[in-house]
N, C-alpha and C. Protein backbone atom coordinates (compact mmCIF):
# COMPACT_ATOMS: atom_id res chain seq x y z
N MET A 1 80.88 64.26 100.94
CA MET A 1 81.16 63.04 100.15
C MET A 1 80.62 62.30 100.91
N PRO A 2 79.85 61.28 101.09
CA PRO A 2 79.70 59.87 101.75
C PRO A 2 80.76 59.54 102.44
N ILE A 3 80.77 59.22 103.67
CA ILE A 3 82.08 58.16 104.34
C ILE A 3 82.45 57.53 103.52
N ALA A 4 81.78 56.63 102.43
CA ALA A 4 81.80 55.10 102.20
C ALA A 4 83.27 55.46 101.01
N ALA A 5 82.44 56.87 100.43
CA ALA A 5 83.37 56.88 99.06
C ALA A 5 84.92 57.37 99.82
N LYS A 6 85.25 57.53 100.60
CA LYS A 6 86.49 57.73 101.39
C LYS A 6 87.50 56.69 102.03
N TYR A 7 86.06 55.62 102.27
CA TYR A 7 87.02 54.76 103.08
C TYR A 7 86.70 52.93 102.60
N ASN A 8 87.83 52.50 102.47
CA ASN A 8 86.95 50.89 102.20
C ASN A 8 86.47 50.38 103.60
N GLU A 9 86.39 49.19 103.58
CA GLU A 9 85.16 48.22 104.28
C GLU A 9 86.23 48.16 105.64
N LYS A 10 87.21 47.30 104.96
CA LYS A 10 88.21 47.19 106.40
C LYS A 10 88.51 48.62 106.80
N GLU A 11 88.56 49.75 106.18
CA GLU A 11 88.57 51.09 107.34
C GLU A 11 87.76 51.52 108.09
N LEU A 12 86.34 51.29 107.56
CA LEU A 12 85.27 51.56 107.91
C LEU A 12 85.22 50.76 109.14
N LEU A 13 85.51 49.67 109.21
CA LEU A 13 85.85 48.80 110.50
C LEU A 13 86.49 48.99 111.25
N ALA A 14 87.94 49.26 111.18
CA ALA A 14 88.65 49.84 111.34
C ALA A 14 88.29 51.14 112.32
N MET A 15 87.10 52.20 111.88
CA MET A 15 86.99 53.04 112.64
C MET A 15 85.33 53.13 113.59
N VAL A 16 84.90 52.05 113.12
CA VAL A 16 83.83 51.53 113.88
C VAL A 16 84.43 51.17 115.09
N ALA A 17 85.24 50.44 115.74
CA ALA A 17 86.36 49.74 116.69
C ALA A 17 87.08 50.50 117.14
N THR A 18 86.55 52.23 117.14
CA THR A 18 87.29 53.33 117.87
C THR A 18 86.22 53.63 118.08
N GLY A 19 84.92 53.69 117.68
CA GLY A 19 83.67 54.27 118.09
C GLY A 19 82.99 55.08 117.43
N ASN A 20 83.33 55.38 116.07
CA ASN A 20 83.21 56.28 114.78
C ASN A 20 81.63 55.77 114.54
N ARG A 21 80.34 56.35 115.28
CA ARG A 21 79.11 56.41 114.96
C ARG A 21 78.71 56.30 113.38
N GLN A 22 79.40 57.54 112.38
CA GLN A 22 79.35 57.40 111.33
C GLN A 22 79.94 56.63 110.40
N ALA A 23 80.85 55.97 110.70
CA ALA A 23 81.28 54.94 110.07
C ALA A 23 80.14 53.42 110.39
N PHE A 24 79.84 53.25 111.98
CA PHE A 24 78.97 51.86 112.01
C PHE A 24 77.57 52.41 111.15
N THR A 25 77.24 53.75 111.34
CA THR A 25 75.94 53.80 110.32
C THR A 25 76.09 53.38 108.51
N GLN A 26 77.07 53.61 108.37
CA GLN A 26 77.44 53.07 106.91
C GLN A 26 77.16 52.08 106.77
N LEU A 27 78.21 50.78 107.73
CA LEU A 27 78.10 49.88 107.66
C LEU A 27 76.44 49.11 107.69
N TYR A 28 75.97 49.72 108.79
CA TYR A 28 74.51 49.40 108.51
C TYR A 28 73.67 49.33 107.80
N THR A 29 73.66 50.67 107.00
CA THR A 29 73.13 50.54 105.76
C THR A 29 73.33 50.04 104.52
N THR A 30 74.56 49.76 105.00
CA THR A 30 75.03 48.83 103.39
C THR A 30 75.23 48.10 103.53
N HIS A 31 74.52 47.33 104.39
CA HIS A 31 74.03 45.85 105.16
C HIS A 31 73.05 45.37 105.08
N LEU A 32 72.46 46.30 105.72
CA LEU A 32 71.19 45.86 105.99
C LEU A 32 69.91 45.00 105.58
N ASN A 33 69.66 45.78 103.80
CA ASN A 33 68.65 45.36 102.95
C ASN A 33 68.74 43.46 102.73
N ASN A 34 70.01 43.27 103.02
CA ASN A 34 70.46 41.94 101.78
C ASN A 34 70.32 40.71 103.61
N LEU A 35 70.71 41.81 104.50
CA LEU A 35 70.34 41.08 105.97
C LEU A 35 69.46 40.40 106.35
N TYR A 36 68.19 41.76 106.23
CA TYR A 36 67.02 41.67 106.07
C TYR A 36 66.27 40.55 105.22
N ARG A 37 66.71 40.47 104.10
CA ARG A 37 65.56 39.65 102.69
C ARG A 37 66.43 37.95 103.30
N TYR A 38 67.87 37.75 103.98
CA TYR A 38 68.10 36.36 104.42
C TYR A 38 67.22 35.91 105.90
N ILE A 39 67.24 36.97 106.67
CA ILE A 39 66.59 36.28 107.96
C ILE A 39 65.12 36.17 107.58
N PHE A 40 64.40 37.21 106.59
CA PHE A 40 63.12 36.87 106.67
C PHE A 40 62.82 35.57 105.82
N LEU A 41 63.59 35.30 104.98
CA LEU A 41 63.03 34.08 104.23
C LEU A 41 62.85 32.75 105.69
N PHE A 42 63.18 33.29 106.75
CA PHE A 42 63.29 31.98 107.55
C PHE A 42 62.61 32.11 108.68
N THR A 43 62.09 33.40 109.03
CA THR A 43 61.42 33.68 109.93
C THR A 43 59.77 34.31 109.23
N LYS A 44 59.59 34.49 108.28
CA LYS A 44 58.33 34.80 107.52
C LYS A 44 57.95 35.60 108.56
N SER A 45 58.00 36.59 109.25
CA SER A 45 58.07 37.64 110.41
C SER A 45 58.42 38.63 110.16
N LYS A 46 57.85 40.26 110.12
CA LYS A 46 58.90 41.51 109.90
C LYS A 46 59.17 41.58 111.20
N GLU A 47 58.18 41.63 112.49
CA GLU A 47 58.73 41.34 113.74
C GLU A 47 60.07 41.17 114.00
N GLU A 48 59.62 40.13 113.65
CA GLU A 48 60.79 39.67 114.61
C GLU A 48 62.70 39.11 113.44
N THR A 49 61.92 39.63 112.32
CA THR A 49 63.15 39.68 111.22
C THR A 49 63.73 41.23 111.88
N GLU A 50 62.64 42.04 112.30
CA GLU A 50 63.40 43.34 112.63
C GLU A 50 63.95 43.45 114.11
N GLU A 51 63.85 42.09 114.83
CA GLU A 51 63.77 42.29 116.33
C GLU A 51 65.41 41.47 116.29
N ILE A 52 65.56 40.17 115.39
CA ILE A 52 67.02 39.57 115.36
C ILE A 52 67.76 40.42 114.62
N LEU A 53 67.82 41.59 113.63
CA LEU A 53 68.59 42.83 113.32
C LEU A 53 68.48 43.47 114.17
N GLN A 54 68.36 43.94 115.11
CA GLN A 54 68.68 44.59 116.20
C GLN A 54 69.10 43.95 117.29
N GLU A 55 69.03 42.99 117.54
CA GLU A 55 70.33 42.30 118.31
C GLU A 55 71.29 42.10 117.72
N ILE A 56 71.49 41.67 116.06
CA ILE A 56 72.58 41.55 115.74
C ILE A 56 73.51 43.35 115.69
N PHE A 57 73.04 44.09 115.46
CA PHE A 57 73.39 45.27 115.31
C PHE A 57 73.72 45.60 116.73
N ILE A 58 73.41 45.58 117.48
CA ILE A 58 73.40 45.78 119.01
C ILE A 58 74.93 45.37 119.34
N LYS A 59 74.80 44.05 119.10
CA LYS A 59 76.12 43.38 119.66
C LYS A 59 77.30 43.44 119.08
N MET A 60 76.88 43.77 117.57
CA MET A 60 78.22 44.07 116.55
C MET A 60 78.46 45.96 117.58
N TRP A 61 77.77 46.13 117.73
CA TRP A 61 78.49 47.80 118.39
C TRP A 61 79.27 47.72 120.24
N GLU A 62 78.10 46.47 121.03
CA GLU A 62 79.06 46.39 122.04
C GLU A 62 80.03 45.76 121.60
N ASN A 63 80.50 44.80 120.84
CA ASN A 63 81.88 44.29 120.46
C ASN A 63 83.20 44.98 119.63
N ARG A 64 82.38 46.11 119.50
CA ARG A 64 82.88 46.55 118.22
C ARG A 64 84.67 46.91 118.13
N GLU A 65 85.11 46.61 119.70
CA GLU A 65 86.68 46.54 119.46
C GLU A 65 87.26 45.37 119.23
N LYS A 66 86.40 44.48 119.09
CA LYS A 66 87.13 43.16 118.24
C LYS A 66 86.52 43.35 116.76
N LEU A 67 86.39 44.02 115.99
CA LEU A 67 86.47 44.12 114.62
C LEU A 67 87.61 44.47 113.75
N HIS A 68 88.47 44.57 114.82
CA HIS A 68 89.39 44.55 113.52
C HIS A 68 90.13 43.30 113.18
N ASP A 69 89.59 42.25 113.63
CA ASP A 69 90.11 40.97 112.79
C ASP A 69 88.84 40.55 112.15
N VAL A 70 87.81 41.27 111.98
CA VAL A 70 87.11 40.87 111.10
C VAL A 70 87.59 41.15 109.52
N ASP A 71 87.25 40.19 108.65
CA ASP A 71 88.11 40.12 107.33
C ASP A 71 87.14 41.14 106.47
N SER A 72 85.69 40.07 106.77
CA SER A 72 84.13 40.86 105.82
C SER A 72 83.63 40.66 106.54
N VAL A 73 82.77 42.12 106.61
CA VAL A 73 81.81 42.47 107.36
C VAL A 73 80.37 41.85 106.87
N LYS A 74 80.41 41.12 105.38
CA LYS A 74 79.18 40.62 105.21
C LYS A 74 79.11 39.14 105.93
N ASN A 75 80.05 38.04 105.68
CA ASN A 75 80.14 36.96 106.37
C ASN A 75 80.54 37.39 108.03
N TYR A 76 80.55 38.19 108.40
CA TYR A 76 80.37 38.39 110.22
C TYR A 76 79.13 38.69 110.30
N LEU A 77 78.37 39.30 109.32
CA LEU A 77 76.99 39.46 109.46
C LEU A 77 75.90 38.46 109.59
N PHE A 78 76.00 37.26 108.26
CA PHE A 78 75.55 37.08 107.88
C PHE A 78 75.98 35.27 109.14
N ARG A 79 77.13 35.15 109.36
CA ARG A 79 77.14 34.16 110.40
C ARG A 79 76.30 34.41 111.74
N CYS A 80 76.22 35.87 112.23
CA CYS A 80 75.93 36.19 113.50
C CYS A 80 74.10 35.99 113.20
N ALA A 81 73.56 36.33 111.83
CA ALA A 81 72.47 35.87 111.48
C ALA A 81 72.33 34.77 112.18
N LYS A 82 72.88 33.76 111.19
CA LYS A 82 72.76 32.11 111.32
C LYS A 82 72.60 31.95 112.66
N ASN A 83 73.62 32.39 113.60
CA ASN A 83 73.33 31.74 115.05
C ASN A 83 72.05 32.42 116.26
N LYS A 84 71.58 33.68 115.69
CA LYS A 84 70.24 34.05 115.89
C LYS A 84 69.59 32.90 115.79
N LEU A 85 69.26 32.81 114.60
CA LEU A 85 68.22 31.80 113.78
C LEU A 85 68.41 30.56 114.61
N LEU A 86 69.63 30.06 114.72
CA LEU A 86 69.80 28.47 115.21
C LEU A 86 69.40 28.87 116.96
N ASP A 87 69.14 30.03 117.39
CA ASP A 87 69.33 29.97 118.97
C ASP A 87 67.45 29.97 118.89
N LYS A 88 66.78 30.90 118.00
CA LYS A 88 65.30 31.34 117.61
C LYS A 88 65.07 29.52 118.10
N ILE A 89 64.96 28.86 116.65
CA ILE A 89 64.93 27.73 116.91
C ILE A 89 64.92 27.08 118.32
N ARG A 90 65.68 27.01 118.68
CA ARG A 90 66.41 26.30 120.27
C ARG A 90 65.40 26.20 120.72
N HIS A 91 65.06 27.70 121.27
CA HIS A 91 64.02 28.55 121.77
C HIS A 91 62.63 28.23 121.75
N PHE A 92 62.38 27.90 120.85
CA PHE A 92 61.35 27.44 120.02
C PHE A 92 60.59 25.78 120.69
N GLN A 93 61.93 25.16 120.05
CA GLN A 93 61.70 23.95 120.72
C GLN A 93 61.41 23.85 121.76
N ILE A 94 62.80 23.86 122.84
CA ILE A 94 62.30 24.02 124.35
C ILE A 94 61.01 24.67 125.15
N ARG A 95 60.56 25.82 123.74
CA ARG A 95 59.10 26.06 124.52
C ARG A 95 57.81 25.05 124.18
N GLN A 96 58.17 24.84 123.27
CA GLN A 96 57.25 23.35 122.14
C GLN A 96 56.66 22.25 123.32
N ARG A 97 58.20 21.86 124.09
CA ARG A 97 58.18 20.71 124.84
C ARG A 97 57.78 21.24 125.78
N VAL A 98 57.55 22.16 127.12
CA VAL A 98 57.41 22.37 127.85
C VAL A 98 55.93 22.66 127.95
N LEU A 99 55.35 23.66 126.82
CA LEU A 99 54.45 23.76 126.59
C LEU A 99 53.27 22.02 125.99
N SER A 100 54.16 21.28 125.55
CA SER A 100 53.70 20.04 125.65
C SER A 100 53.41 19.11 126.63
N GLU A 101 54.47 19.12 127.52
CA GLU A 101 54.40 18.75 129.01
C GLU A 101 53.49 19.31 129.89
N ILE A 102 53.12 20.58 129.45
CA ILE A 102 51.70 21.20 130.44
C ILE A 102 50.82 20.55 130.14
N LYS A 103 50.35 20.46 128.96
CA LYS A 103 49.40 20.01 128.57
C LYS A 103 48.89 18.50 128.98
N ARG A 104 50.12 17.64 128.55
CA ARG A 104 50.21 16.23 129.07
C ARG A 104 49.51 16.21 130.67
N THR A 105 50.43 17.29 131.74
CA THR A 105 50.05 17.15 132.94
C THR A 105 48.74 17.89 133.45
N LYS A 106 48.37 18.05 132.66
CA LYS A 106 47.15 18.64 132.86
C LYS A 106 45.89 17.64 132.89
N ASN A 107 46.45 16.90 131.44
CA ASN A 107 45.46 16.08 131.38
C ASN A 107 46.05 14.67 132.58
N ILE A 108 46.34 14.78 133.52
CA ILE A 108 45.92 13.92 134.02
C ILE A 108 45.51 14.43 135.72
N SER A 109 44.36 13.06 136.38
CA SER A 109 43.09 13.60 136.68
C SER A 109 44.09 13.88 138.10
N GLU A 110 45.15 13.22 138.21
CA GLU A 110 45.57 12.91 139.96
C GLU A 110 47.31 13.36 139.86
N THR A 111 47.82 14.17 140.43
CA THR A 111 48.90 15.10 140.72
C THR A 111 49.22 14.46 142.25
N THR A 112 50.21 13.93 142.69
CA THR A 112 50.89 13.74 143.80
C THR A 112 50.78 15.60 144.66
N THR A 113 50.49 14.73 146.11
CA THR A 113 50.85 16.14 147.22
C THR A 113 52.57 16.47 146.54
N MET A 114 53.19 15.75 146.94
CA MET A 114 54.52 15.91 146.54
C MET A 114 55.07 17.03 145.09
N ASP A 115 54.24 16.33 144.09
CA ASP A 115 54.46 17.46 143.15
C ASP A 115 54.31 18.51 143.07
N GLN A 116 52.93 18.57 143.68
CA GLN A 116 52.38 19.60 143.66
C GLN A 116 52.90 20.99 144.72
N CYS A 117 53.64 20.31 145.68
CA CYS A 117 54.31 21.02 146.85
C CYS A 117 55.75 21.21 146.59
N ALA A 118 55.92 20.56 145.48
CA ALA A 118 57.54 21.01 144.77
C ALA A 118 57.30 22.49 143.54
N TYR A 119 56.46 22.10 143.08
CA TYR A 119 56.11 23.36 142.02
C TYR A 119 55.93 24.51 142.54
N ARG A 120 55.15 24.39 143.90
CA ARG A 120 55.23 25.69 144.54
C ARG A 120 56.15 26.44 144.83
N GLU A 121 57.37 25.29 145.95
CA GLU A 121 58.46 25.58 146.11
C GLU A 121 59.06 26.46 144.80
N TYR A 122 59.31 25.95 143.56
CA TYR A 122 60.03 26.44 142.90
C TYR A 122 59.12 27.35 141.87
N TYR A 123 57.98 28.03 141.93
CA TYR A 123 57.04 28.85 141.44
C TYR A 123 57.37 30.09 142.68
N GLN A 124 57.53 29.55 143.56
CA GLN A 124 57.34 30.96 144.90
C GLN A 124 59.24 31.45 144.82
N LEU A 125 60.27 30.37 144.21
CA LEU A 125 61.45 31.03 144.11
C LEU A 125 61.64 31.78 142.71
N VAL A 126 60.78 31.69 142.04
CA VAL A 126 60.65 32.29 140.93
C VAL A 126 60.13 33.95 141.28
N GLN A 127 59.20 34.02 141.57
CA GLN A 127 58.60 35.31 142.53
C GLN A 127 60.03 36.13 143.13
N GLN A 128 60.27 35.37 143.63
CA GLN A 128 61.42 35.57 145.08
C GLN A 128 62.36 36.54 144.11
N ALA A 129 62.77 35.33 143.22
CA ALA A 129 63.95 36.29 141.80
C ALA A 129 63.09 37.81 141.51
N VAL A 130 61.87 37.55 140.83
CA VAL A 130 61.44 38.79 140.33
C VAL A 130 61.47 39.89 140.82
N GLU A 131 60.79 39.77 142.37
CA GLU A 131 61.42 41.04 143.37
C GLU A 131 62.78 41.29 143.81
N LYS A 132 63.12 41.03 142.88
CA LYS A 132 64.40 41.09 143.72
C LYS A 132 64.87 42.13 142.54
N LEU A 133 64.28 42.09 141.41
CA LEU A 133 64.64 43.04 140.30
C LEU A 133 64.58 44.22 140.84
N PRO A 134 65.47 45.38 139.72
CA PRO A 134 64.70 47.00 140.04
C PRO A 134 63.82 47.23 139.07
N PRO A 135 62.98 48.23 140.29
CA PRO A 135 61.85 48.70 139.84
C PRO A 135 61.24 48.58 138.10
N LYS A 136 62.05 49.02 137.88
CA LYS A 136 61.81 49.16 135.92
C LYS A 136 62.15 48.29 135.16
N ARG A 137 63.29 47.10 135.48
CA ARG A 137 63.43 45.64 135.02
C ARG A 137 62.01 45.06 135.09
N LYS A 138 61.79 44.88 136.39
CA LYS A 138 60.42 43.74 137.27
C LYS A 138 59.17 43.97 136.33
N LEU A 139 58.93 45.50 136.45
CA LEU A 139 57.82 45.98 135.52
C LEU A 139 57.80 45.39 134.28
N ILE A 140 59.41 45.50 133.72
CA ILE A 140 59.15 45.51 132.29
C ILE A 140 59.03 43.93 131.63
N PHE A 141 59.96 43.49 132.90
CA PHE A 141 60.10 41.54 132.61
C PHE A 141 58.20 40.81 132.66
N ARG A 142 57.52 41.28 133.79
CA ARG A 142 56.13 41.19 134.23
C ARG A 142 55.43 41.22 132.83
N LEU A 143 55.57 42.51 132.39
CA LEU A 143 54.71 42.57 131.08
C LEU A 143 54.62 41.91 129.84
N ASN A 144 56.00 41.30 129.99
CA ASN A 144 56.82 40.45 128.56
C ASN A 144 56.05 39.10 129.57
N ILE A 145 56.82 38.40 130.16
CA ILE A 145 56.38 37.18 130.80
C ILE A 145 54.98 37.07 131.42
N GLU A 146 54.58 37.75 132.16
CA GLU A 146 53.15 37.38 132.39
C GLU A 146 52.62 37.77 131.89
N ASN A 147 52.25 38.79 131.00
CA ASN A 147 50.93 39.49 130.40
C ASN A 147 51.56 39.36 129.19
N GLY A 148 52.35 38.83 128.70
CA GLY A 148 52.38 38.23 127.11
C GLY A 148 52.79 39.05 126.48
N LEU A 149 53.03 40.98 126.52
CA LEU A 149 53.37 41.46 125.50
C LEU A 149 54.49 41.50 124.86
N SER A 150 54.11 41.74 123.65
CA SER A 150 55.68 41.90 122.44
C SER A 150 56.33 42.98 123.19
N GLN A 151 57.80 42.96 122.99
CA GLN A 151 58.63 43.89 123.41
C GLN A 151 58.36 45.30 122.30
N ASP A 152 57.64 45.67 121.31
CA ASP A 152 57.66 46.70 120.66
C ASP A 152 55.78 46.87 121.07
N GLU A 153 55.00 46.34 121.87
CA GLU A 153 53.98 47.07 122.71
C GLU A 153 54.28 47.27 124.26
N ILE A 154 55.65 46.55 124.64
CA ILE A 154 56.36 47.56 125.90
C ILE A 154 56.86 49.00 125.69
N ALA A 155 57.46 48.91 124.73
CA ALA A 155 57.93 50.04 123.98
C ALA A 155 57.91 51.40 124.64
N GLN A 156 55.91 50.46 123.58
CA GLN A 156 54.77 52.00 123.38
C GLN A 156 54.62 52.41 124.67
N LYS A 157 54.06 50.89 125.29
CA LYS A 157 53.41 51.37 126.63
C LYS A 157 54.14 51.82 127.69
N LEU A 158 55.46 51.88 127.45
CA LEU A 158 55.91 52.90 128.45
C LEU A 158 57.14 53.56 127.65
N ASN A 159 57.05 53.95 126.35
CA ASN A 159 57.68 54.93 126.03
C ASN A 159 59.29 54.91 126.21
N ILE A 160 59.26 53.89 125.86
CA ILE A 160 60.76 53.64 125.62
C ILE A 160 61.69 52.90 124.52
N SER A 161 62.72 52.92 124.14
CA SER A 161 62.94 52.41 123.10
C SER A 161 62.75 50.82 123.08
N LYS A 162 63.09 50.31 122.00
CA LYS A 162 62.42 48.29 121.93
C LYS A 162 63.50 48.14 122.20
N SER A 163 65.51 48.76 122.14
CA SER A 163 66.43 48.21 122.43
C SER A 163 66.66 48.46 124.08
N VAL A 164 66.03 49.16 125.04
CA VAL A 164 65.66 49.52 126.08
C VAL A 164 65.55 48.11 126.59
N VAL A 165 63.77 48.15 126.06
CA VAL A 165 63.23 46.24 126.53
C VAL A 165 64.06 45.49 126.19
N GLN A 166 64.16 45.20 125.11
CA GLN A 166 65.49 44.34 125.18
C GLN A 166 66.02 43.73 125.97
N LYS A 167 66.97 44.58 126.12
CA LYS A 167 68.30 44.68 127.86
C LYS A 167 67.87 44.40 128.83
N GLN A 168 66.76 44.90 129.25
CA GLN A 168 65.98 44.67 130.32
C GLN A 168 65.46 43.31 130.65
N VAL A 169 64.71 42.72 129.46
CA VAL A 169 64.21 41.15 129.84
C VAL A 169 65.20 40.41 129.52
N TYR A 170 66.69 40.67 128.58
CA TYR A 170 67.82 39.62 128.49
C TYR A 170 68.38 39.57 130.42
N SER A 171 68.74 40.65 130.51
CA SER A 171 68.88 41.37 132.22
C SER A 171 68.23 40.11 133.18
N ALA A 172 66.90 40.57 133.19
CA ALA A 172 66.05 40.02 134.17
C ALA A 172 66.02 38.13 134.11
N SER A 173 66.29 37.79 132.81
CA SER A 173 65.78 36.50 132.36
C SER A 173 66.83 35.86 133.14
N HIS A 174 68.04 36.35 133.08
CA HIS A 174 69.75 35.86 133.01
C HIS A 174 69.54 35.92 135.27
N PHE A 175 69.00 37.02 135.59
CA PHE A 175 68.96 36.89 137.10
C PHE A 175 68.20 35.90 137.59
N VAL A 176 67.10 35.54 136.95
CA VAL A 176 66.37 34.90 137.43
C VAL A 176 66.81 33.50 137.22
N ARG A 177 67.58 33.26 136.23
CA ARG A 177 68.13 31.36 135.96
C ARG A 177 69.13 31.63 136.84
N GLU A 178 70.34 32.66 137.01
CA GLU A 178 70.99 32.37 138.25
C GLU A 178 70.30 32.20 139.42
N TYR A 179 69.54 33.42 139.58
CA TYR A 179 69.10 32.92 141.02
C TYR A 179 68.27 31.49 141.53
N LEU A 180 67.43 30.86 140.51
CA LEU A 180 67.03 29.25 140.33
C LEU A 180 68.29 28.73 140.49
N PHE A 181 69.45 29.12 140.03
CA PHE A 181 70.42 27.65 139.69
C PHE A 181 70.81 27.71 141.50
N LYS A 182 70.90 29.03 141.88
CA LYS A 182 71.78 29.09 143.25
C LYS A 182 70.98 28.84 144.54
N HIS A 183 69.50 28.82 144.12
CA HIS A 183 68.13 28.72 145.22
C HIS A 183 67.66 27.42 145.27
N GLY A 184 67.78 26.78 144.32
CA GLY A 184 66.85 25.66 143.93
C GLY A 184 67.47 24.39 144.05
N GLU A 185 68.45 24.28 143.83
CA GLU A 185 69.05 22.56 143.70
C GLU A 185 68.44 22.26 142.17
N ILE A 186 67.80 23.01 141.04
CA ILE A 186 67.27 22.66 140.03
C ILE A 186 68.09 22.02 139.13
N SER A 187 67.42 20.92 138.17
CA SER A 187 67.77 20.77 137.52
C SER A 187 67.52 21.60 136.40
N PHE A 188 68.49 21.81 135.36
CA PHE A 188 68.02 22.58 133.89
C PHE A 188 66.72 21.97 133.36
N PRO A 189 66.28 20.70 132.79
CA PRO A 189 65.05 20.58 132.89
C PRO A 189 63.96 21.13 133.18
N ILE A 190 63.68 20.99 134.72
CA ILE A 190 63.00 21.70 136.01
C ILE A 190 63.15 23.17 135.25
N LEU A 191 63.84 23.70 135.92
CA LEU A 191 63.99 24.91 135.73
C LEU A 191 63.76 25.49 134.41
N VAL A 192 63.85 24.98 133.28
CA VAL A 192 62.95 25.96 132.05
C VAL A 192 61.53 25.66 132.57
N ALA A 193 60.89 24.47 132.74
CA ALA A 193 59.45 24.63 132.73
C ALA A 193 59.14 25.16 133.64
N VAL A 194 59.76 25.54 135.01
CA VAL A 194 59.22 26.18 135.65
C VAL A 194 59.26 27.98 135.34
N PHE A 195 60.08 28.37 134.43
CA PHE A 195 60.25 29.14 133.92
C PHE A 195 59.34 30.09 133.38
N PHE A 196 58.92 28.50 132.40
CA PHE A 196 57.47 29.08 131.38
C PHE A 196 56.12 29.08 131.68
N LEU A 197 56.54 27.41 133.05
CA LEU A 197 55.25 27.70 133.99
C LEU A 197 54.70 29.17 134.57
N SER A 198 55.58 30.18 134.97
CA SER A 198 54.92 30.99 135.89
C SER A 198 54.36 31.93 135.09
N ALA A 199 54.96 31.62 133.84
CA ALA A 199 54.71 32.77 132.32
C ALA A 199 53.16 32.41 132.10
N PHE A 200 52.41 31.57 132.68
CA PHE A 200 50.87 31.28 132.41
C PHE A 200 49.97 31.69 133.23
């Protein structure tokens, strides 16, 4: 008998909170298609939709102890999707602003020696931070940021799961940002610019 036929949603949530993978799979299966359609309406991208879905369910599993407080799985998942979509939009807007600034500065014929020195110093800090990453994390980070490979491409190239790639990229990005804040006396806008410049 399917587990869903034996337990209601609240009971399934309680089971997931204790680490029951079968209950988690049942909730995943029940809500996957509706959540996929909702996210796809905004992304119009199969790959990006699947990436967001994976992030949502990974987060749900990692924070499963807190599911006792969830009244509706549907509302919980759609709220997570909305937050992820807003994060993607903000990330895209920041990236577009940085790229616009890069194009603008490339059109300036003369750049002051001070600006050039400052950028070199910031770029060196980025490289120092990357070099401090564990070998596997450093490889995945460079493939993603410097070589421009997607998470799917990296997973296929290294024969690992996409979720592993996601976690490694997230951990590496967090470490690099923290390193720059601690060692560079860099304002956030400059930090973001250097972070993206280092990928080109």
